[in-house]
Amino acid sequence: MSSTRIPFTREDKEKIASAATWGLVVSVTSLITGALALLVELSSAKASEVFGQMLQTGFTVVINIWLLQASLALRKVASDTNANDQGNLLIGFRKLRAYFMAQVIVILIAVALGVLAFVAMKAL
């Protein structure tokens, strides 16, 4: 793919930069709170619970790295020095898609588990 500069307006670039900044804030904050939560949980968890906590933290790290990568790619689009807007937009949108799809899958799993727990409680 060729490097192509897209002629964004100043307002468009400000919106892209703002989205990139907020994505960066969310990803870094989530990574930090996830790490702190893991430390707290590991200090009080039983050995049988450690795997679940590590799995949850690993998932949090992966999806927030996707959000961080998307934010950094969008930040490049908003900068005046970059000439590969199309490539960076594609990277940013692909990473955002992966981030949001993972979030939706987690929500669907949580709802399904909640429904199963409700049905199991009613059956008892």
N, C-alpha and C. Protein backbone atom coordinates (compact mmCIF):
# COMPACT_ATOMS: atom_id res chain seq x y z
N MET A 1 0.84 -1.16 0.00
CA MET A 1 0.00 0.00 0.00
C MET A 1 0.89 1.23 0.00
N SER A 2 0.50 2.22 -0.76
CA SER A 2 1.31 3.43 -0.84
C SER A 2 1.00 4.35 0.34
N SER A 3 1.98 5.16 0.68
CA SER A 3 1.79 6.13 1.76
C SER A 3 0.98 7.29 1.23
N THR A 4 -0.12 7.56 1.89
CA THR A 4 -0.98 8.62 1.42
C THR A 4 -1.37 9.54 2.57
N ARG A 5 -1.17 10.81 2.33
CA ARG A 5 -1.56 11.83 3.29
C ARG A 5 -3.00 12.22 3.01
N ILE A 6 -3.85 12.20 4.03
CA ILE A 6 -5.26 12.58 3.87
C ILE A 6 -5.39 14.03 4.32
N PRO A 7 -6.02 14.87 3.50
CA PRO A 7 -6.12 16.29 3.86
C PRO A 7 -7.23 16.55 4.91
N PHE A 8 -6.93 16.26 6.18
CA PHE A 8 -7.88 16.52 7.25
C PHE A 8 -7.91 18.01 7.56
N THR A 9 -9.07 18.48 8.01
CA THR A 9 -9.15 19.86 8.49
C THR A 9 -8.51 19.93 9.86
N ARG A 10 -8.26 21.12 10.31
CA ARG A 10 -7.67 21.30 11.64
C ARG A 10 -8.60 20.72 12.72
N GLU A 11 -9.90 20.93 12.56
CA GLU A 11 -10.88 20.42 13.52
C GLU A 11 -10.88 18.88 13.53
N ASP A 12 -10.76 18.27 12.34
CA ASP A 12 -10.69 16.81 12.26
C ASP A 12 -9.47 16.29 13.01
N LYS A 13 -8.34 16.94 12.80
CA LYS A 13 -7.10 16.51 13.46
C LYS A 13 -7.21 16.64 14.98
N GLU A 14 -7.88 17.71 15.44
CA GLU A 14 -8.07 17.89 16.88
C GLU A 14 -8.95 16.79 17.46
N LYS A 15 -9.99 16.40 16.72
CA LYS A 15 -10.86 15.31 17.19
C LYS A 15 -10.12 13.98 17.21
N ILE A 16 -9.32 13.73 16.18
CA ILE A 16 -8.54 12.49 16.13
C ILE A 16 -7.52 12.48 17.27
N ALA A 17 -6.87 13.60 17.51
CA ALA A 17 -5.89 13.69 18.59
C ALA A 17 -6.57 13.50 19.95
N SER A 18 -7.76 14.05 20.12
CA SER A 18 -8.50 13.89 21.37
C SER A 18 -8.87 12.43 21.59
N ALA A 19 -9.36 11.77 20.55
CA ALA A 19 -9.70 10.35 20.67
C ALA A 19 -8.46 9.53 21.01
N ALA A 20 -7.34 9.86 20.39
CA ALA A 20 -6.09 9.15 20.67
C ALA A 20 -5.66 9.36 22.11
N THR A 21 -5.80 10.57 22.61
CA THR A 21 -5.41 10.87 23.99
C THR A 21 -6.29 10.11 24.97
N TRP A 22 -7.61 10.13 24.75
CA TRP A 22 -8.51 9.42 25.66
C TRP A 22 -8.28 7.91 25.60
N GLY A 23 -8.00 7.38 24.42
CA GLY A 23 -7.68 5.96 24.32
C GLY A 23 -6.41 5.63 25.09
N LEU A 24 -5.43 6.51 25.01
CA LEU A 24 -4.18 6.33 25.75
C LEU A 24 -4.43 6.35 27.25
N VAL A 25 -5.24 7.31 27.70
CA VAL A 25 -5.56 7.42 29.13
C VAL A 25 -6.28 6.17 29.63
N VAL A 26 -7.27 5.71 28.86
CA VAL A 26 -8.03 4.52 29.27
C VAL A 26 -7.13 3.29 29.30
N SER A 27 -6.30 3.11 28.29
CA SER A 27 -5.46 1.91 28.25
C SER A 27 -4.42 1.90 29.37
N VAL A 28 -3.75 3.01 29.57
CA VAL A 28 -2.72 3.06 30.62
C VAL A 28 -3.37 2.91 32.00
N THR A 29 -4.49 3.59 32.22
CA THR A 29 -5.18 3.49 33.50
C THR A 29 -5.65 2.05 33.75
N SER A 30 -6.20 1.41 32.73
CA SER A 30 -6.66 0.03 32.88
C SER A 30 -5.50 -0.92 33.14
N LEU A 31 -4.38 -0.70 32.49
CA LEU A 31 -3.21 -1.54 32.73
C LEU A 31 -2.70 -1.40 34.16
N ILE A 32 -2.66 -0.17 34.64
CA ILE A 32 -2.18 0.07 36.01
C ILE A 32 -3.15 -0.52 37.04
N THR A 33 -4.45 -0.26 36.87
CA THR A 33 -5.42 -0.79 37.84
C THR A 33 -5.50 -2.31 37.76
N GLY A 34 -5.34 -2.87 36.56
CA GLY A 34 -5.33 -4.32 36.44
C GLY A 34 -4.14 -4.94 37.18
N ALA A 35 -2.98 -4.31 37.06
CA ALA A 35 -1.79 -4.81 37.75
C ALA A 35 -1.96 -4.69 39.27
N LEU A 36 -2.50 -3.58 39.72
CA LEU A 36 -2.72 -3.40 41.16
C LEU A 36 -3.76 -4.39 41.68
N ALA A 37 -4.82 -4.60 40.91
CA ALA A 37 -5.84 -5.56 41.32
C ALA A 37 -5.26 -6.97 41.40
N LEU A 38 -4.40 -7.31 40.46
CA LEU A 38 -3.76 -8.63 40.49
C LEU A 38 -2.92 -8.78 41.75
N LEU A 39 -2.14 -7.77 42.10
CA LEU A 39 -1.32 -7.85 43.30
C LEU A 39 -2.17 -8.02 44.55
N VAL A 40 -3.27 -7.27 44.63
CA VAL A 40 -4.16 -7.38 45.79
C VAL A 40 -4.80 -8.76 45.85
N GLU A 41 -5.28 -9.23 44.71
CA GLU A 41 -5.93 -10.54 44.68
C GLU A 41 -4.94 -11.66 44.99
N LEU A 42 -3.74 -11.56 44.45
CA LEU A 42 -2.75 -12.62 44.70
C LEU A 42 -2.32 -12.66 46.16
N SER A 43 -2.35 -11.52 46.82
CA SER A 43 -1.93 -11.50 48.22
C SER A 43 -2.96 -12.19 49.13
N SER A 44 -4.22 -12.24 48.68
CA SER A 44 -5.24 -12.86 49.52
C SER A 44 -5.88 -14.09 48.88
N ALA A 45 -5.46 -14.46 47.70
CA ALA A 45 -6.10 -15.57 46.99
C ALA A 45 -5.55 -16.91 47.44
N LYS A 46 -6.40 -17.90 47.30
CA LYS A 46 -5.97 -19.27 47.52
C LYS A 46 -5.25 -19.75 46.27
N ALA A 47 -4.50 -20.81 46.42
CA ALA A 47 -3.73 -21.32 45.28
C ALA A 47 -4.63 -21.68 44.11
N SER A 48 -5.83 -22.16 44.37
CA SER A 48 -6.74 -22.55 43.30
C SER A 48 -7.29 -21.35 42.53
N GLU A 49 -7.25 -20.15 43.12
CA GLU A 49 -7.78 -18.96 42.48
C GLU A 49 -6.74 -18.19 41.68
N VAL A 50 -5.49 -18.53 41.84
CA VAL A 50 -4.40 -17.79 41.20
C VAL A 50 -4.48 -17.87 39.68
N PHE A 51 -4.77 -19.04 39.14
CA PHE A 51 -4.84 -19.20 37.68
C PHE A 51 -5.90 -18.29 37.08
N GLY A 52 -7.05 -18.23 37.70
CA GLY A 52 -8.13 -17.38 37.20
C GLY A 52 -7.75 -15.91 37.22
N GLN A 53 -7.09 -15.48 38.27
CA GLN A 53 -6.65 -14.09 38.37
C GLN A 53 -5.60 -13.77 37.31
N MET A 54 -4.70 -14.70 37.09
CA MET A 54 -3.66 -14.47 36.08
C MET A 54 -4.26 -14.45 34.69
N LEU A 55 -5.24 -15.31 34.44
CA LEU A 55 -5.93 -15.33 33.15
C LEU A 55 -6.66 -14.02 32.92
N GLN A 56 -7.35 -13.54 33.93
CA GLN A 56 -8.07 -12.27 33.82
C GLN A 56 -7.10 -11.12 33.56
N THR A 57 -6.00 -11.09 34.27
CA THR A 57 -5.02 -10.03 34.07
C THR A 57 -4.39 -10.12 32.68
N GLY A 58 -4.10 -11.32 32.22
CA GLY A 58 -3.55 -11.49 30.89
C GLY A 58 -4.49 -10.96 29.82
N PHE A 59 -5.79 -11.26 29.96
CA PHE A 59 -6.79 -10.75 29.03
C PHE A 59 -6.83 -9.22 29.07
N THR A 60 -6.81 -8.65 30.27
CA THR A 60 -6.83 -7.20 30.42
C THR A 60 -5.62 -6.57 29.74
N VAL A 61 -4.47 -7.16 29.92
CA VAL A 61 -3.25 -6.64 29.30
C VAL A 61 -3.36 -6.67 27.78
N VAL A 62 -3.80 -7.79 27.23
CA VAL A 62 -3.88 -7.92 25.77
C VAL A 62 -4.83 -6.89 25.18
N ILE A 63 -6.04 -6.78 25.72
CA ILE A 63 -6.99 -5.86 25.09
C ILE A 63 -6.57 -4.41 25.28
N ASN A 64 -5.92 -4.10 26.39
CA ASN A 64 -5.49 -2.72 26.59
C ASN A 64 -4.24 -2.38 25.78
N ILE A 65 -3.47 -3.37 25.43
CA ILE A 65 -2.36 -3.13 24.50
C ILE A 65 -2.93 -2.82 23.11
N TRP A 66 -4.02 -3.52 22.73
CA TRP A 66 -4.67 -3.20 21.45
C TRP A 66 -5.17 -1.76 21.45
N LEU A 67 -5.77 -1.34 22.55
CA LEU A 67 -6.27 0.04 22.64
C LEU A 67 -5.10 1.03 22.61
N LEU A 68 -4.03 0.71 23.28
CA LEU A 68 -2.83 1.56 23.27
C LEU A 68 -2.26 1.67 21.86
N GLN A 69 -2.17 0.56 21.14
CA GLN A 69 -1.66 0.58 19.77
C GLN A 69 -2.57 1.40 18.86
N ALA A 70 -3.88 1.26 19.04
CA ALA A 70 -4.83 2.05 18.24
C ALA A 70 -4.64 3.53 18.53
N SER A 71 -4.48 3.88 19.78
CA SER A 71 -4.31 5.28 20.16
C SER A 71 -3.03 5.87 19.59
N LEU A 72 -1.96 5.10 19.63
CA LEU A 72 -0.70 5.59 19.08
C LEU A 72 -0.77 5.76 17.56
N ALA A 73 -1.47 4.84 16.88
CA ALA A 73 -1.63 4.97 15.43
C ALA A 73 -2.47 6.20 15.09
N LEU A 74 -3.53 6.44 15.85
CA LEU A 74 -4.37 7.63 15.61
C LEU A 74 -3.61 8.91 15.93
N ARG A 75 -2.75 8.85 16.92
CA ARG A 75 -1.93 10.03 17.24
C ARG A 75 -1.02 10.38 16.07
N LYS A 76 -0.50 9.36 15.38
CA LYS A 76 0.33 9.61 14.20
C LYS A 76 -0.47 10.28 13.09
N VAL A 77 -1.74 9.87 12.95
CA VAL A 77 -2.59 10.49 11.93
C VAL A 77 -2.80 11.96 12.24
N ALA A 78 -2.95 12.29 13.51
CA ALA A 78 -3.21 13.68 13.91
C ALA A 78 -1.97 14.56 13.83
N SER A 79 -0.79 13.95 13.79
CA SER A 79 0.43 14.76 13.71
C SER A 79 0.63 15.29 12.30
N ASP A 80 1.24 16.42 12.19
CA ASP A 80 1.47 17.04 10.88
C ASP A 80 2.69 16.47 10.18
N THR A 81 3.49 15.68 10.87
CA THR A 81 4.76 15.22 10.29
C THR A 81 4.66 13.87 9.60
N ASN A 82 3.52 13.21 9.71
CA ASN A 82 3.40 11.86 9.16
C ASN A 82 2.78 11.88 7.77
N ALA A 83 3.23 11.00 6.90
CA ALA A 83 2.70 10.95 5.55
C ALA A 83 1.96 9.64 5.26
N ASN A 84 1.72 8.83 6.27
CA ASN A 84 1.07 7.53 6.06
C ASN A 84 -0.27 7.48 6.80
N ASP A 85 -1.16 8.42 6.51
CA ASP A 85 -2.44 8.49 7.20
C ASP A 85 -3.28 7.23 6.97
N GLN A 86 -3.35 6.78 5.74
CA GLN A 86 -4.18 5.60 5.45
C GLN A 86 -3.70 4.37 6.20
N GLY A 87 -2.42 4.14 6.20
CA GLY A 87 -1.87 2.98 6.90
C GLY A 87 -2.12 3.06 8.40
N ASN A 88 -1.92 4.24 8.97
CA ASN A 88 -2.12 4.39 10.41
C ASN A 88 -3.60 4.32 10.78
N LEU A 89 -4.48 4.83 9.93
CA LEU A 89 -5.91 4.69 10.18
C LEU A 89 -6.32 3.22 10.17
N LEU A 90 -5.80 2.46 9.20
CA LEU A 90 -6.12 1.03 9.15
C LEU A 90 -5.63 0.31 10.40
N ILE A 91 -4.42 0.60 10.82
CA ILE A 91 -3.89 -0.02 12.04
C ILE A 91 -4.77 0.36 13.23
N GLY A 92 -5.07 1.64 13.36
CA GLY A 92 -5.89 2.11 14.47
C GLY A 92 -7.26 1.47 14.48
N PHE A 93 -7.92 1.41 13.34
CA PHE A 93 -9.27 0.84 13.28
C PHE A 93 -9.25 -0.67 13.52
N ARG A 94 -8.24 -1.35 13.03
CA ARG A 94 -8.15 -2.81 13.27
C ARG A 94 -7.96 -3.10 14.76
N LYS A 95 -7.11 -2.33 15.39
CA LYS A 95 -6.88 -2.55 16.83
C LYS A 95 -8.12 -2.17 17.64
N LEU A 96 -8.80 -1.09 17.25
CA LEU A 96 -10.03 -0.72 17.95
C LEU A 96 -11.10 -1.79 17.77
N ARG A 97 -11.19 -2.34 16.57
CA ARG A 97 -12.17 -3.41 16.32
C ARG A 97 -11.89 -4.61 17.22
N ALA A 98 -10.63 -5.01 17.32
CA ALA A 98 -10.27 -6.14 18.17
C ALA A 98 -10.60 -5.83 19.63
N TYR A 99 -10.30 -4.61 20.07
CA TYR A 99 -10.57 -4.20 21.45
C TYR A 99 -12.07 -4.28 21.75
N PHE A 100 -12.89 -3.69 20.89
CA PHE A 100 -14.32 -3.67 21.15
C PHE A 100 -14.95 -5.05 20.99
N MET A 101 -14.48 -5.84 20.05
CA MET A 101 -15.01 -7.20 19.91
C MET A 101 -14.71 -8.03 21.16
N ALA A 102 -13.52 -7.89 21.70
CA ALA A 102 -13.17 -8.62 22.92
C ALA A 102 -14.05 -8.16 24.08
N GLN A 103 -14.30 -6.86 24.16
CA GLN A 103 -15.17 -6.35 25.23
C GLN A 103 -16.57 -6.93 25.11
N VAL A 104 -17.11 -6.97 23.90
CA VAL A 104 -18.45 -7.50 23.67
C VAL A 104 -18.50 -8.99 24.02
N ILE A 105 -17.49 -9.73 23.65
CA ILE A 105 -17.46 -11.16 23.96
C ILE A 105 -17.47 -11.36 25.47
N VAL A 106 -16.71 -10.57 26.20
CA VAL A 106 -16.69 -10.67 27.66
C VAL A 106 -18.07 -10.35 28.24
N ILE A 107 -18.72 -9.33 27.72
CA ILE A 107 -20.05 -8.98 28.20
C ILE A 107 -21.04 -10.12 27.92
N LEU A 108 -20.98 -10.69 26.73
CA LEU A 108 -21.88 -11.80 26.40
C LEU A 108 -21.63 -13.01 27.30
N ILE A 109 -20.38 -13.30 27.57
CA ILE A 109 -20.05 -14.42 28.47
C ILE A 109 -20.57 -14.13 29.87
N ALA A 110 -20.39 -12.90 30.35
CA ALA A 110 -20.87 -12.54 31.68
C ALA A 110 -22.39 -12.65 31.77
N VAL A 111 -23.09 -12.19 30.75
CA VAL A 111 -24.56 -12.29 30.73
C VAL A 111 -24.98 -13.76 30.71
N ALA A 112 -24.33 -14.55 29.88
CA ALA A 112 -24.66 -15.98 29.80
C ALA A 112 -24.43 -16.67 31.14
N LEU A 113 -23.32 -16.36 31.79
CA LEU A 113 -23.06 -16.95 33.11
C LEU A 113 -24.07 -16.48 34.14
N GLY A 114 -24.46 -15.22 34.06
CA GLY A 114 -25.48 -14.70 34.97
C GLY A 114 -26.81 -15.40 34.77
N VAL A 115 -27.20 -15.62 33.52
CA VAL A 115 -28.46 -16.33 33.23
C VAL A 115 -28.36 -17.77 33.73
N LEU A 116 -27.24 -18.43 33.50
CA LEU A 116 -27.06 -19.80 33.97
C LEU A 116 -27.12 -19.87 35.50
N ALA A 117 -26.51 -18.92 36.16
CA ALA A 117 -26.55 -18.89 37.62
C ALA A 117 -27.98 -18.67 38.11
N PHE A 118 -28.71 -17.79 37.44
CA PHE A 118 -30.10 -17.53 37.81
C PHE A 118 -30.95 -18.79 37.64
N VAL A 119 -30.78 -19.47 36.50
CA VAL A 119 -31.53 -20.70 36.24
C VAL A 119 -31.16 -21.77 37.27
N ALA A 120 -29.89 -21.88 37.59
CA ALA A 120 -29.45 -22.87 38.58
C ALA A 120 -30.02 -22.56 39.94
N MET A 121 -30.09 -21.29 40.31
CA MET A 121 -30.66 -20.90 41.62
C MET A 121 -32.15 -21.22 41.68
N LYS A 122 -32.84 -20.99 40.58
CA LYS A 122 -34.29 -21.27 40.53
C LYS A 122 -34.55 -22.76 40.58
N ALA A 123 -33.62 -23.56 40.02
CA ALA A 123 -33.81 -25.01 39.99
C ALA A 123 -33.61 -25.62 41.38
N LEU A 124 -32.88 -24.94 42.23
CA LEU A 124 -32.62 -25.47 43.58
C LEU A 124 -33.78 -25.14 44.42
